[in-house]
Amino acid sequence: MLLVGSDIISFIMAKYDVDIPKPDPADWAHTLAKVVLSAVPMIGGPAAELFGAIITPSLAKRREEWIKAIASGLKELEQKEEGFKVENLLGDESFVTILLQASQAALRDHKKEKIQCLRNATLNSALPGAPEDFWKGKYINFIETLSPWHIRMLVFLDHPYEYCKENKITATISPGGALELQKIGEQIFSDISERKWNYFNILFGDLNSLGLITKDHFNNIYHKESNFFSDDCFVSDFAKDFLKFLTSPLE
């Protein structure tokens, strides 16, 4: 049976007797909150209704947009990748696991960059040659944990010269000849309203602690001894695999 569009999602849901996403503790927290609020004299009923009015429309909208994004992406893959058939995924337990994990993460976030990363990761999981289950699960966890700024930093460090050239980031050299890392950070994170340098240090530290930047590279960068406009790469092999997993297979 050939499935197109959102039919693939419906079929998976029916076949595996699951919803997308699986019931999450947050769902129970929502229900519990309504029960508790309803039990409070004077403010119970109206407060519970207000809580539901805020949460329910947003959750439904996120769910619908996510399902459409995955369904359309799978259909595009079918047209782009020779030999790839959407219906073959229906018996692929590994893909279904990643689909459910990514779906839960997508419904808990509103940031477009992260939703796009989750979609790309899900689509890459559907293709032959996808990483092992352990790594796929770990990558999804990273997407959920890291902010878009973390991922932007990682993309920058992977190919500094290309990133700076494409984004028109200019180097600022101090009187002593050192590259002023702070000035570069302010250009990369121009959308951060204040304390850009504090964010820059925090992002570096987070990425380093996760093994996405090697310790020697991190130390070189932090002490302003590296030339960001060289062809050097400052991320680990693990980080490169992670970034590849986040790249859209449709481009």
Protein backbone atom coordinates (compact mmCIF):
# COMPACT_ATOMS: atom_id res chain seq x y z
CA MET A 1 0.00 0.00 0.00
CA LEU A 2 1.49 3.34 -1.08
CA LEU A 3 1.14 6.05 1.49
CA VAL A 4 1.49 9.75 0.74
CA GLY A 5 1.41 12.94 2.74
CA SER A 6 0.02 12.72 6.25
CA ASP A 7 -1.27 9.17 5.57
CA ILE A 8 2.16 7.83 6.58
CA ILE A 9 1.84 9.37 10.02
CA SER A 10 -1.70 8.08 10.48
CA PHE A 11 -0.64 4.61 9.42
CA ILE A 12 2.27 4.54 11.86
CA MET A 13 -0.01 5.71 14.65
CA ALA A 14 -2.57 2.99 13.90
CA LYS A 15 -0.03 0.22 13.32
CA TYR A 16 1.88 0.81 16.53
CA ASP A 17 -1.13 1.92 18.56
CA VAL A 18 0.60 5.10 19.66
CA ASP A 19 0.01 8.77 19.45
CA ILE A 20 2.57 11.27 18.24
CA PRO A 21 4.04 12.17 20.56
CA LYS A 22 3.66 9.57 23.29
CA PRO A 23 1.89 10.77 26.43
CA ASP A 24 4.45 12.71 28.35
CA PRO A 25 4.66 13.50 32.07
CA ALA A 26 3.97 17.10 31.07
CA ASP A 27 0.56 15.99 29.78
CA TRP A 28 -0.25 14.49 33.16
CA ALA A 29 1.04 17.66 34.82
CA HIS A 30 -1.38 19.67 32.68
CA THR A 31 -4.30 17.45 33.68
CA LEU A 32 -3.28 17.49 37.33
CA ALA A 33 -2.98 21.27 37.31
CA LYS A 34 -6.51 21.60 35.97
CA VAL A 35 -7.83 19.25 38.65
CA VAL A 36 -6.04 21.15 41.41
CA LEU A 37 -7.15 24.52 40.11
CA SER A 38 -10.73 23.32 39.88
CA ALA A 39 -10.62 22.34 43.53
CA VAL A 40 -9.59 25.80 44.68
CA PRO A 41 -12.62 27.80 45.89
CA MET A 42 -13.55 30.91 43.94
CA ILE A 43 -10.77 30.67 41.32
CA GLY A 44 -10.89 26.97 40.46
CA GLY A 45 -13.16 26.67 37.43
CA PRO A 46 -12.24 29.87 35.58
CA ALA A 47 -8.53 29.42 36.30
CA ALA A 48 -8.58 25.86 34.98
CA GLU A 49 -10.36 26.97 31.84
CA LEU A 50 -7.86 29.76 31.34
CA PHE A 51 -4.98 27.29 31.72
CA GLY A 52 -6.54 25.01 29.13
CA ALA A 53 -7.28 27.89 26.81
CA ILE A 54 -3.62 28.89 26.82
CA ILE A 55 -2.09 25.43 26.43
CA THR A 56 -4.49 23.51 24.20
CA PRO A 57 -4.52 25.69 21.04
CA SER A 58 -0.74 26.02 21.03
CA LEU A 59 -0.21 22.29 21.54
CA ALA A 60 -2.66 21.42 18.76
CA LYS A 61 -0.99 23.89 16.39
CA ARG A 62 2.49 22.54 17.13
CA ARG A 63 1.30 18.96 16.65
CA GLU A 64 -0.31 19.72 13.28
CA GLU A 65 2.67 21.68 11.96
CA TRP A 66 5.11 18.97 13.04
CA ILE A 67 3.16 16.14 11.45
CA LYS A 68 2.87 18.07 8.19
CA ALA A 69 6.59 18.89 8.22
CA ILE A 70 7.61 15.26 8.67
CA ALA A 71 5.07 13.91 6.18
CA SER A 72 6.06 16.39 3.47
CA GLY A 73 9.76 15.77 4.14
CA LEU A 74 9.38 12.02 3.77
CA LYS A 75 7.51 12.48 0.53
CA GLU A 76 10.28 14.75 -0.79
CA LEU A 77 12.86 12.14 0.15
CA GLU A 78 10.92 9.56 -1.81
CA GLN A 79 11.13 11.77 -4.87
CA LYS A 80 14.78 12.70 -4.35
CA GLU A 81 16.42 9.48 -3.16
CA GLU A 82 16.45 6.60 -5.60
CA GLY A 83 15.06 3.42 -4.06
CA PHE A 84 13.67 5.17 -0.98
CA LYS A 85 10.06 4.22 -0.27
CA VAL A 86 8.08 5.75 2.55
CA GLU A 87 6.09 2.58 3.19
CA ASN A 88 9.32 0.70 4.00
CA LEU A 89 9.58 2.74 7.19
CA LEU A 90 6.45 1.15 8.63
CA GLY A 91 8.38 -1.91 9.77
CA ASP A 92 11.44 0.07 10.85
CA GLU A 93 11.31 0.13 14.65
CA SER A 94 14.48 2.21 14.82
CA PHE A 95 12.92 4.98 12.74
CA VAL A 96 9.66 4.90 14.69
CA THR A 97 11.61 5.31 17.94
CA ILE A 98 13.45 8.36 16.61
CA LEU A 99 10.23 9.77 15.17
CA LEU A 100 8.53 9.55 18.55
CA GLN A 101 11.54 10.95 20.42
CA ALA A 102 11.88 13.88 18.03
CA SER A 103 8.13 14.50 18.10
CA GLN A 104 8.11 14.83 21.87
CA ALA A 105 10.98 17.30 21.70
CA ALA A 106 9.33 19.30 18.90
CA LEU A 107 6.12 19.79 20.84
CA ARG A 108 8.04 21.08 23.85
CA ASP A 109 9.77 23.86 21.90
CA HIS A 110 8.71 26.90 19.89
CA LYS A 111 12.04 27.92 18.37
CA LYS A 112 12.02 27.46 14.59
CA GLU A 113 15.74 26.64 14.42
CA LYS A 114 15.36 23.71 16.80
CA ILE A 115 12.23 22.42 15.09
CA GLN A 116 14.10 22.47 11.78
CA CYS A 117 17.02 20.56 13.33
CA LEU A 118 14.65 17.94 14.73
CA ARG A 119 12.99 17.57 11.33
CA ASN A 120 16.33 17.20 9.56
CA ALA A 121 17.49 14.62 12.11
CA THR A 122 14.28 12.62 11.69
CA LEU A 123 14.56 12.62 7.91
CA ASN A 124 18.23 11.60 8.06
CA SER A 125 17.22 8.73 10.33
CA ALA A 126 14.96 7.42 7.58
CA LEU A 127 17.79 7.06 5.07
CA PRO A 128 20.15 4.13 4.55
CA GLY A 129 23.45 4.65 6.31
CA ALA A 130 21.90 6.49 9.27
CA PRO A 131 23.93 6.41 12.51
CA GLU A 132 23.49 3.64 15.04
CA ASP A 133 20.50 3.90 17.37
CA PHE A 134 22.70 4.99 20.28
CA TRP A 135 24.06 7.96 18.36
CA LYS A 136 20.72 8.93 16.86
CA GLY A 137 19.16 9.05 20.31
CA LYS A 138 22.09 11.02 21.69
CA TYR A 139 21.92 13.52 18.84
CA ILE A 140 18.20 14.09 19.42
CA ASN A 141 18.93 14.69 23.11
CA PHE A 142 21.58 17.22 22.15
CA ILE A 143 19.19 19.08 19.86
CA GLU A 144 16.67 19.27 22.67
CA THR A 145 19.25 20.40 25.24
CA LEU A 146 21.26 22.89 23.20
CA SER A 147 20.00 26.32 22.25
CA PRO A 148 20.07 27.67 18.69
CA TRP A 149 23.03 29.78 19.83
CA HIS A 150 24.98 26.65 20.77
CA ILE A 151 24.36 25.17 17.34
CA ARG A 152 25.29 28.44 15.64
CA MET A 153 28.54 28.49 17.59
CA LEU A 154 29.26 24.91 16.56
CA VAL A 155 28.63 25.64 12.88
CA PHE A 156 30.97 28.62 13.15
CA LEU A 157 33.75 26.59 14.75
CA ASP A 158 33.43 23.80 12.21
CA HIS A 159 34.47 26.06 9.30
CA PRO A 160 35.42 29.48 10.73
CA TYR A 161 36.75 30.97 7.52
CA GLU A 162 33.71 29.98 5.45
CA TYR A 163 31.29 31.08 8.16
CA CYS A 164 32.90 34.50 8.53
CA LYS A 165 33.05 35.00 4.78
CA GLU A 166 29.41 34.01 4.20
CA ASN A 167 28.15 36.11 7.13
CA LYS A 168 30.47 39.07 6.46
CA ILE A 169 32.11 38.88 9.88
CA THR A 170 35.27 40.94 10.06
CA ALA A 171 38.30 40.38 12.25
CA THR A 172 39.36 42.97 14.77
CA ILE A 173 43.04 42.96 15.69
CA SER A 174 44.28 44.48 18.94
CA PRO A 175 47.31 46.82 19.04
CA GLY A 176 49.36 43.83 20.17
CA GLY A 177 48.38 41.84 17.11
CA ALA A 178 45.95 39.46 18.82
CA LEU A 179 42.59 38.58 17.34
CA GLU A 180 39.83 40.12 19.47
CA LEU A 181 37.55 37.18 20.08
CA GLN A 182 35.01 39.32 21.91
CA LYS A 183 34.39 41.47 18.82
CA ILE A 184 33.85 38.40 16.67
CA GLY A 185 31.43 37.01 19.23
CA GLU A 186 29.41 40.20 19.16
CA GLN A 187 29.02 39.89 15.39
CA ILE A 188 28.02 36.23 15.49
CA PHE A 189 25.45 36.81 18.22
CA SER A 190 24.13 40.18 17.17
CA ASP A 191 20.61 39.06 18.17
CA ILE A 192 21.63 38.82 21.82
CA SER A 193 20.60 42.12 23.33
CA GLU A 194 23.16 42.39 26.12
CA ARG A 195 26.16 40.79 27.81
CA LYS A 196 27.22 39.10 24.55
CA TRP A 197 30.64 38.21 25.92
CA ASN A 198 29.16 36.39 28.91
CA TYR A 199 27.00 34.33 26.56
CA PHE A 200 30.01 33.64 24.36
CA ASN A 201 31.99 32.16 27.25
CA ILE A 202 29.04 30.13 28.50
CA LEU A 203 28.39 28.64 25.06
CA PHE A 204 32.03 27.69 24.67
CA GLY A 205 32.04 26.04 28.08
CA ASP A 206 28.87 24.07 27.40
CA LEU A 207 30.11 22.77 24.06
CA ASN A 208 33.47 21.84 25.52
CA SER A 209 31.90 19.93 28.42
CA LEU A 210 29.84 17.86 25.94
CA GLY A 211 32.91 16.82 24.00
CA LEU A 212 31.96 18.87 20.95
CA ILE A 213 35.13 20.96 21.18
CA THR A 214 38.43 19.26 21.94
CA LYS A 215 40.16 20.54 25.05
CA ASP A 216 43.28 21.78 23.24
CA HIS A 217 41.24 23.62 20.67
CA PHE A 218 39.08 25.16 23.36
CA ASN A 219 42.10 26.41 25.26
CA ASN A 220 43.61 27.91 22.13
CA ILE A 221 40.40 29.72 21.29
CA TYR A 222 39.81 30.94 24.80
CA HIS A 223 43.31 32.39 25.09
CA LYS A 224 42.92 34.16 21.73
CA GLU A 225 45.89 32.36 20.18
CA SER A 226 44.01 30.84 17.24
CA ASN A 227 43.40 32.38 13.87
CA PHE A 228 39.67 32.07 13.24
CA PHE A 229 40.20 33.05 9.64
CA SER A 230 42.31 30.01 8.86
CA ASP A 231 40.99 26.74 7.51
CA ASP A 232 41.43 25.08 10.90
CA CYS A 233 38.53 23.24 12.45
CA PHE A 234 37.94 23.55 16.19
CA VAL A 235 35.31 20.87 16.71
CA SER A 236 35.65 17.18 17.48
CA ASP A 237 34.87 14.39 15.05
CA PHE A 238 31.82 13.69 17.18
CA ALA A 239 30.65 17.26 16.61
CA LYS A 240 31.13 16.90 12.87
CA ASP A 241 28.92 13.81 12.85
CA PHE A 242 26.34 15.68 14.92
CA LEU A 243 26.29 18.64 12.51
CA LYS A 244 25.94 16.28 9.56
CA PHE A 245 22.92 14.72 11.25
CA LEU A 246 21.38 18.20 11.55
CA THR A 247 21.86 19.04 7.89
CA SER A 248 18.80 18.74 5.68
CA PRO A 249 18.98 15.76 3.30
CA LEU A 250 16.67 17.64 0.95
CA GLU A 251 19.19 20.31 -0.03
